[in-house]
Amino acid sequence: MKRGLALFTLLTVLLTVPALASADGLTGTTVSGQFNIGGASTNYFDPSNGFVPSGFQNDAGPTVVINGSPTFGFNDSFNFDQANFTDSTLTISDLDQPSAGALNWEMIFTDSAFAGASVSKVSDTFDNGGLSVNLVGDDLTVLWVGDTVRSDFDFSAAYDIATVPEPSSLVLLGIGLLGLMSGFSLKWRGEGFR
């Protein structure tokens, strides 16, 4: 009986660790993207507006599943902008052609996995103060003030996104820890595992 409890405890803990790892990231979640330039309401991440290059998931629409493939892209004759999500990172880049500037813009991403998450800057080479990020509920907003006409430039920024584990994973972890503690309690009282 005691060996059965120990085996159950070990199995529960081992099964809990992978569940936490998969619940803790963005892979497999659905995110919607919006890219507005110069204060206009046009969503340039929507391919119906004609500025989404091939090779990005948003070439089928502004809602994508995060799976490691290039996520959101925008391209016109002046700028090439990307927003790529991985399991725990958002990377944004802006490449401008020679003698082109960049108007102020905002990117808004909506995903239920953002609720309760935290965002921390890893790197940022954007000029004019860099990017600013705001996370409220399911919406992650990235803002840039833009740049004046200048020689070509290539900016990038990366953010770490720490999501909250799903409640079911927390329950599994709790059950595993309780079983482990009860097994150690039996051993401590001298009843031990035989």
C-alpha atoms as a PDB file:
ATOM      1  CA  MET A   1       0.000   0.000   0.000  1.00  0.00           C
ATOM      2  CA  LYS A   2       2.770   2.403   0.940  1.00  0.00           C
ATOM      3  CA  ARG A   3       4.740   1.516  -2.198  1.00  0.00           C
ATOM      4  CA  GLY A   4       1.583   2.185  -4.207  1.00  0.00           C
ATOM      5  CA  LEU A   5       1.292   5.650  -2.643  1.00  0.00           C
ATOM      6  CA  ALA A   6       4.942   6.387  -3.417  1.00  0.00           C
ATOM      7  CA  LEU A   7       4.530   5.249  -7.026  1.00  0.00           C
ATOM      8  CA  PHE A   8       1.339   7.305  -7.420  1.00  0.00           C
ATOM      9  CA  THR A   9       3.106  10.358  -6.013  1.00  0.00           C
ATOM     10  CA  LEU A  10       6.102  10.018  -8.321  1.00  0.00           C
ATOM     11  CA  LEU A  11       3.887   9.484 -11.360  1.00  0.00           C
ATOM     12  CA  THR A  12       1.750  12.528 -10.511  1.00  0.00           C
ATOM     13  CA  VAL A  13       4.807  14.792 -10.120  1.00  0.00           C
ATOM     14  CA  LEU A  14       6.349  13.548 -13.388  1.00  0.00           C
ATOM     15  CA  LEU A  15       3.103  14.108 -15.289  1.00  0.00           C
ATOM     16  CA  THR A  16       2.662  17.579 -13.815  1.00  0.00           C
ATOM     17  CA  VAL A  17       5.987  19.009 -14.998  1.00  0.00           C
ATOM     18  CA  PRO A  18       5.263  18.680 -18.755  1.00  0.00           C
ATOM     19  CA  ALA A  19       1.741  20.024 -18.213  1.00  0.00           C
ATOM     20  CA  LEU A  20       3.148  23.165 -16.607  1.00  0.00           C
ATOM     21  CA  ALA A  21       5.681  23.630 -19.390  1.00  0.00           C
ATOM     22  CA  SER A  22       3.049  23.504 -22.115  1.00  0.00           C
ATOM     23  CA  ALA A  23       0.540  25.687 -20.255  1.00  0.00           C
ATOM     24  CA  ASP A  24       3.133  28.324 -19.488  1.00  0.00           C
ATOM     25  CA  GLY A  25       3.689  29.565 -23.056  1.00  0.00           C
ATOM     26  CA  LEU A  26       1.911  31.057 -26.045  1.00  0.00           C
ATOM     27  CA  THR A  27       2.348  28.173 -28.504  1.00  0.00           C
ATOM     28  CA  GLY A  28      -1.024  27.033 -29.797  1.00  0.00           C
ATOM     29  CA  THR A  29      -2.908  30.143 -28.683  1.00  0.00           C
ATOM     30  CA  THR A  30      -4.805  32.347 -31.133  1.00  0.00           C
ATOM     31  CA  VAL A  31      -3.746  35.984 -31.407  1.00  0.00           C
ATOM     32  CA  SER A  32      -5.375  38.777 -33.405  1.00  0.00           C
ATOM     33  CA  GLY A  33      -3.203  41.607 -34.683  1.00  0.00           C
ATOM     34  CA  GLN A  34      -3.905  45.211 -35.590  1.00  0.00           C
ATOM     35  CA  PHE A  35      -1.361  47.630 -37.101  1.00  0.00           C
ATOM     36  CA  ASN A  36      -2.384  51.291 -37.354  1.00  0.00           C
ATOM     37  CA  ILE A  37      -0.109  53.917 -38.904  1.00  0.00           C
ATOM     38  CA  GLY A  38      -0.185  57.666 -38.302  1.00  0.00           C
ATOM     39  CA  GLY A  39      -3.311  57.554 -36.163  1.00  0.00           C
ATOM     40  CA  ALA A  40      -5.466  56.087 -38.972  1.00  0.00           C
ATOM     41  CA  SER A  41      -7.890  53.269 -38.188  1.00  0.00           C
ATOM     42  CA  THR A  42      -6.877  51.039 -41.137  1.00  0.00           C
ATOM     43  CA  ASN A  43      -5.575  47.653 -39.962  1.00  0.00           C
ATOM     44  CA  TYR A  44      -2.473  47.041 -42.086  1.00  0.00           C
ATOM     45  CA  PHE A  45      -2.110  43.505 -40.662  1.00  0.00           C
ATOM     46  CA  ASP A  46      -5.331  42.666 -42.521  1.00  0.00           C
ATOM     47  CA  PRO A  47      -4.413  41.273 -45.973  1.00  0.00           C
ATOM     48  CA  SER A  48      -7.561  42.788 -47.512  1.00  0.00           C
ATOM     49  CA  ASN A  49      -5.756  46.157 -47.347  1.00  0.00           C
ATOM     50  CA  GLY A  50      -3.018  44.866 -49.665  1.00  0.00           C
ATOM     51  CA  PHE A  51       0.157  45.246 -47.584  1.00  0.00           C
ATOM     52  CA  VAL A  52       0.774  41.768 -46.117  1.00  0.00           C
ATOM     53  CA  PRO A  53       3.775  40.022 -47.716  1.00  0.00           C
ATOM     54  CA  SER A  54       3.721  36.301 -48.425  1.00  0.00           C
ATOM     55  CA  GLY A  55       5.320  34.006 -45.887  1.00  0.00           C
ATOM     56  CA  PHE A  56       3.487  35.472 -42.889  1.00  0.00           C
ATOM     57  CA  GLN A  57       0.533  33.803 -41.218  1.00  0.00           C
ATOM     58  CA  ASN A  58      -1.524  36.974 -41.430  1.00  0.00           C
ATOM     59  CA  ASP A  59      -1.609  36.652 -45.227  1.00  0.00           C
ATOM     60  CA  ALA A  60      -4.753  34.569 -44.539  1.00  0.00           C
ATOM     61  CA  GLY A  61      -6.209  37.118 -42.096  1.00  0.00           C
ATOM     62  CA  PRO A  62      -5.265  39.157 -39.019  1.00  0.00           C
ATOM     63  CA  THR A  63      -5.917  36.245 -36.617  1.00  0.00           C
ATOM     64  CA  VAL A  64      -3.212  33.575 -36.402  1.00  0.00           C
ATOM     65  CA  VAL A  65      -2.146  30.623 -34.250  1.00  0.00           C
ATOM     66  CA  ILE A  66       1.253  30.985 -32.611  1.00  0.00           C
ATOM     67  CA  ASN A  67       3.325  28.050 -33.825  1.00  0.00           C
ATOM     68  CA  GLY A  68       6.837  29.365 -34.474  1.00  0.00           C
ATOM     69  CA  SER A  69       6.150  30.434 -38.082  1.00  0.00           C
ATOM     70  CA  PRO A  70       6.487  34.128 -39.045  1.00  0.00           C
ATOM     71  CA  THR A  71       3.437  35.741 -37.505  1.00  0.00           C
ATOM     72  CA  PHE A  72       2.543  39.281 -38.650  1.00  0.00           C
ATOM     73  CA  GLY A  73       4.052  41.218 -41.555  1.00  0.00           C
ATOM     74  CA  PHE A  74       3.507  44.550 -43.334  1.00  0.00           C
ATOM     75  CA  ASN A  75       5.330  45.828 -46.422  1.00  0.00           C
ATOM     76  CA  ASP A  76       4.968  48.880 -48.632  1.00  0.00           C
ATOM     77  CA  SER A  77       7.498  50.773 -50.769  1.00  0.00           C
ATOM     78  CA  PHE A  78       8.924  52.525 -47.679  1.00  0.00           C
ATOM     79  CA  ASN A  79       8.710  50.181 -44.691  1.00  0.00           C
ATOM     80  CA  PHE A  80       8.874  46.494 -43.859  1.00  0.00           C
ATOM     81  CA  ASP A  81       7.500  45.765 -40.380  1.00  0.00           C
ATOM     82  CA  GLN A  82       7.223  42.431 -38.584  1.00  0.00           C
ATOM     83  CA  ALA A  83       5.803  41.198 -35.280  1.00  0.00           C
ATOM     84  CA  ASN A  84       6.725  37.596 -34.566  1.00  0.00           C
ATOM     85  CA  PHE A  85       5.548  35.567 -31.579  1.00  0.00           C
ATOM     86  CA  THR A  86       7.200  32.426 -30.277  1.00  0.00           C
ATOM     87  CA  ASP A  87       6.329  30.440 -27.146  1.00  0.00           C
ATOM     88  CA  SER A  88       7.447  33.225 -24.788  1.00  0.00           C
ATOM     89  CA  THR A  89       8.837  36.072 -26.915  1.00  0.00           C
ATOM     90  CA  LEU A  90       7.547  38.892 -29.109  1.00  0.00           C
ATOM     91  CA  THR A  91      10.083  40.304 -31.588  1.00  0.00           C
ATOM     92  CA  ILE A  92       9.256  43.465 -33.541  1.00  0.00           C
ATOM     93  CA  SER A  93      11.304  44.926 -36.384  1.00  0.00           C
ATOM     94  CA  ASP A  94      11.080  47.940 -38.671  1.00  0.00           C
ATOM     95  CA  LEU A  95      13.201  48.171 -41.825  1.00  0.00           C
ATOM     96  CA  ASP A  96      13.005  51.413 -43.802  1.00  0.00           C
ATOM     97  CA  GLN A  97      14.236  52.099 -47.312  1.00  0.00           C
ATOM     98  CA  PRO A  98      16.839  54.858 -47.976  1.00  0.00           C
ATOM     99  CA  SER A  99      15.448  58.385 -47.550  1.00  0.00           C
ATOM    100  CA  ALA A 100      12.235  57.040 -46.013  1.00  0.00           C
ATOM    101  CA  GLY A 101      10.913  57.874 -42.603  1.00  0.00           C
ATOM    102  CA  ALA A 102       8.372  56.145 -40.422  1.00  0.00           C
ATOM    103  CA  LEU A 103       5.155  57.664 -39.142  1.00  0.00           C
ATOM    104  CA  ASN A 104       4.070  56.950 -35.594  1.00  0.00           C
ATOM    105  CA  TRP A 105       2.374  53.567 -35.357  1.00  0.00           C
ATOM    106  CA  GLU A 106       0.731  51.177 -32.944  1.00  0.00           C
ATOM    107  CA  MET A 107       0.399  47.401 -32.920  1.00  0.00           C
ATOM    108  CA  ILE A 108      -2.364  45.837 -30.829  1.00  0.00           C
ATOM    109  CA  PHE A 109      -2.386  42.099 -30.150  1.00  0.00           C
ATOM    110  CA  THR A 110      -5.307  40.324 -28.499  1.00  0.00           C
ATOM    111  CA  ASP A 111      -5.007  36.845 -26.977  1.00  0.00           C
ATOM    112  CA  SER A 112      -6.679  35.395 -23.862  1.00  0.00           C
ATOM    113  CA  ALA A 113      -3.228  34.051 -22.864  1.00  0.00           C
ATOM    114  CA  PHE A 114      -2.141  37.669 -22.184  1.00  0.00           C
ATOM    115  CA  ALA A 115      -4.569  38.008 -19.248  1.00  0.00           C
ATOM    116  CA  GLY A 116      -2.456  38.071 -16.103  1.00  0.00           C
ATOM    117  CA  ALA A 117       0.797  37.797 -18.072  1.00  0.00           C
ATOM    118  CA  SER A 118       3.827  40.021 -17.543  1.00  0.00           C
ATOM    119  CA  VAL A 119       5.938  41.622 -20.268  1.00  0.00           C
ATOM    120  CA  SER A 120       9.586  42.583 -19.860  1.00  0.00           C
ATOM    121  CA  LYS A 121      11.891  44.244 -22.376  1.00  0.00           C
ATOM    122  CA  VAL A 122      14.853  42.126 -23.509  1.00  0.00           C
ATOM    123  CA  SER A 123      16.267  44.541 -26.106  1.00  0.00           C
ATOM    124  CA  ASP A 124      15.216  47.643 -28.060  1.00  0.00           C
ATOM    125  CA  THR A 125      17.174  49.462 -30.807  1.00  0.00           C
ATOM    126  CA  PHE A 126      14.295  51.734 -31.941  1.00  0.00           C
ATOM    127  CA  ASP A 127      15.275  55.399 -31.743  1.00  0.00           C
ATOM    128  CA  ASN A 128      13.283  58.355 -30.377  1.00  0.00           C
ATOM    129  CA  GLY A 129      12.852  56.653 -27.004  1.00  0.00           C
ATOM    130  CA  GLY A 130      12.261  53.134 -28.270  1.00  0.00           C
ATOM    131  CA  LEU A 131       8.994  51.248 -28.170  1.00  0.00           C
ATOM    132  CA  SER A 132       6.511  51.478 -25.331  1.00  0.00           C
ATOM    133  CA  VAL A 133       4.415  48.481 -24.317  1.00  0.00           C
ATOM    134  CA  ASN A 134       1.171  48.359 -22.375  1.00  0.00           C
ATOM    135  CA  LEU A 135      -0.648  45.181 -21.343  1.00  0.00           C
ATOM    136  CA  VAL A 136      -4.266  45.493 -20.176  1.00  0.00           C
ATOM    137  CA  GLY A 137      -6.399  42.353 -19.926  1.00  0.00           C
ATOM    138  CA  ASP A 138      -6.216  40.452 -23.217  1.00  0.00           C
ATOM    139  CA  ASP A 139      -4.672  43.394 -25.147  1.00  0.00           C
ATOM    140  CA  LEU A 140      -0.953  43.968 -25.631  1.00  0.00           C
ATOM    141  CA  THR A 141      -0.310  47.394 -27.220  1.00  0.00           C
ATOM    142  CA  VAL A 142       3.056  48.422 -28.695  1.00  0.00           C
ATOM    143  CA  LEU A 143       3.615  52.088 -29.620  1.00  0.00           C
ATOM    144  CA  TRP A 144       6.370  53.922 -31.484  1.00  0.00           C
ATOM    145  CA  VAL A 145       6.596  57.666 -32.101  1.00  0.00           C
ATOM    146  CA  GLY A 146       8.170  57.130 -35.538  1.00  0.00           C
ATOM    147  CA  ASP A 147      11.154  58.767 -37.184  1.00  0.00           C
ATOM    148  CA  THR A 148      11.931  61.568 -39.625  1.00  0.00           C
ATOM    149  CA  VAL A 149      13.237  61.040 -43.148  1.00  0.00           C
ATOM    150  CA  ARG A 150      16.784  59.738 -42.926  1.00  0.00           C
ATOM    151  CA  SER A 151      19.065  57.115 -44.416  1.00  0.00           C
ATOM    152  CA  ASP A 152      17.897  53.532 -44.291  1.00  0.00           C
ATOM    153  CA  PHE A 153      17.654  51.947 -40.853  1.00  0.00           C
ATOM    154  CA  ASP A 154      16.784  48.627 -39.282  1.00  0.00           C
ATOM    155  CA  PHE A 155      15.301  48.643 -35.778  1.00  0.00           C
ATOM    156  CA  SER A 156      14.311  45.682 -33.623  1.00  0.00           C
ATOM    157  CA  ALA A 157      12.993  44.999 -30.144  1.00  0.00           C
ATOM    158  CA  ALA A 158      12.304  41.832 -28.174  1.00  0.00           C
ATOM    159  CA  TYR A 159      10.002  41.249 -25.204  1.00  0.00           C
ATOM    160  CA  ASP A 160       9.669  38.276 -22.899  1.00  0.00           C
ATOM    161  CA  ILE A 161       6.054  37.330 -22.163  1.00  0.00           C
ATOM    162  CA  ALA A 162       5.528  35.273 -19.009  1.00  0.00           C
ATOM    163  CA  THR A 163       2.044  33.774 -19.022  1.00  0.00           C
ATOM    164  CA  VAL A 164       0.146  32.351 -16.060  1.00  0.00           C
ATOM    165  CA  PRO A 165      -0.171  28.537 -15.901  1.00  0.00           C
ATOM    166  CA  GLU A 166      -3.632  27.120 -16.534  1.00  0.00           C
ATOM    167  CA  PRO A 167      -5.608  26.328 -13.351  1.00  0.00           C
ATOM    168  CA  SER A 168      -5.695  22.608 -14.215  1.00  0.00           C
ATOM    169  CA  SER A 169      -1.891  22.497 -14.207  1.00  0.00           C
ATOM    170  CA  LEU A 170      -1.794  24.169 -10.818  1.00  0.00           C
ATOM    171  CA  VAL A 171      -4.256  21.596  -9.445  1.00  0.00           C
ATOM    172  CA  LEU A 172      -2.104  18.731 -10.762  1.00  0.00           C
ATOM    173  CA  LEU A 173       0.986  20.281  -9.197  1.00  0.00           C
ATOM    174  CA  GLY A 174      -0.834  20.670  -5.876  1.00  0.00           C
ATOM    175  CA  ILE A 175      -1.980  17.032  -5.885  1.00  0.00           C
ATOM    176  CA  GLY A 176       1.532  15.872  -6.699  1.00  0.00           C
ATOM    177  CA  LEU A 177       3.081  17.944  -3.929  1.00  0.00           C
ATOM    178  CA  LEU A 178       0.499  16.789  -1.369  1.00  0.00           C
ATOM    179  CA  GLY A 179       1.144  13.156  -2.273  1.00  0.00           C
ATOM    180  CA  LEU A 180       4.886  13.705  -2.067  1.00  0.00           C
ATOM    181  CA  MET A 181       4.571  15.390   1.340  1.00  0.00           C
ATOM    182  CA  SER A 182       2.387  12.584   2.706  1.00  0.00           C
ATOM    183  CA  GLY A 183       4.920   9.999   1.498  1.00  0.00           C
ATOM    184  CA  PHE A 184       7.735  11.796   3.279  1.00  0.00           C
ATOM    185  CA  SER A 185       5.571  12.109   6.383  1.00  0.00           C
ATOM    186  CA  LEU A 186       5.116   8.320   6.474  1.00  0.00           C
ATOM    187  CA  LYS A 187       8.840   7.777   6.117  1.00  0.00           C
ATOM    188  CA  TRP A 188       9.633  10.364   8.790  1.00  0.00           C
ATOM    189  CA  ARG A 189       7.396   8.637  11.332  1.00  0.00           C
ATOM    190  CA  GLY A 190       9.393   5.457  10.874  1.00  0.00           C
ATOM    191  CA  GLU A 191       6.752   3.655   8.890  1.00  0.00           C
ATOM    192  CA  GLY A 192       8.936   3.975   5.775  1.00  0.00           C
ATOM    193  CA  PHE A 193       8.557   2.420   2.358  1.00  0.00           C
ATOM    194  CA  ARG A 194       9.243  -1.314   2.141  1.00  0.00           C
END
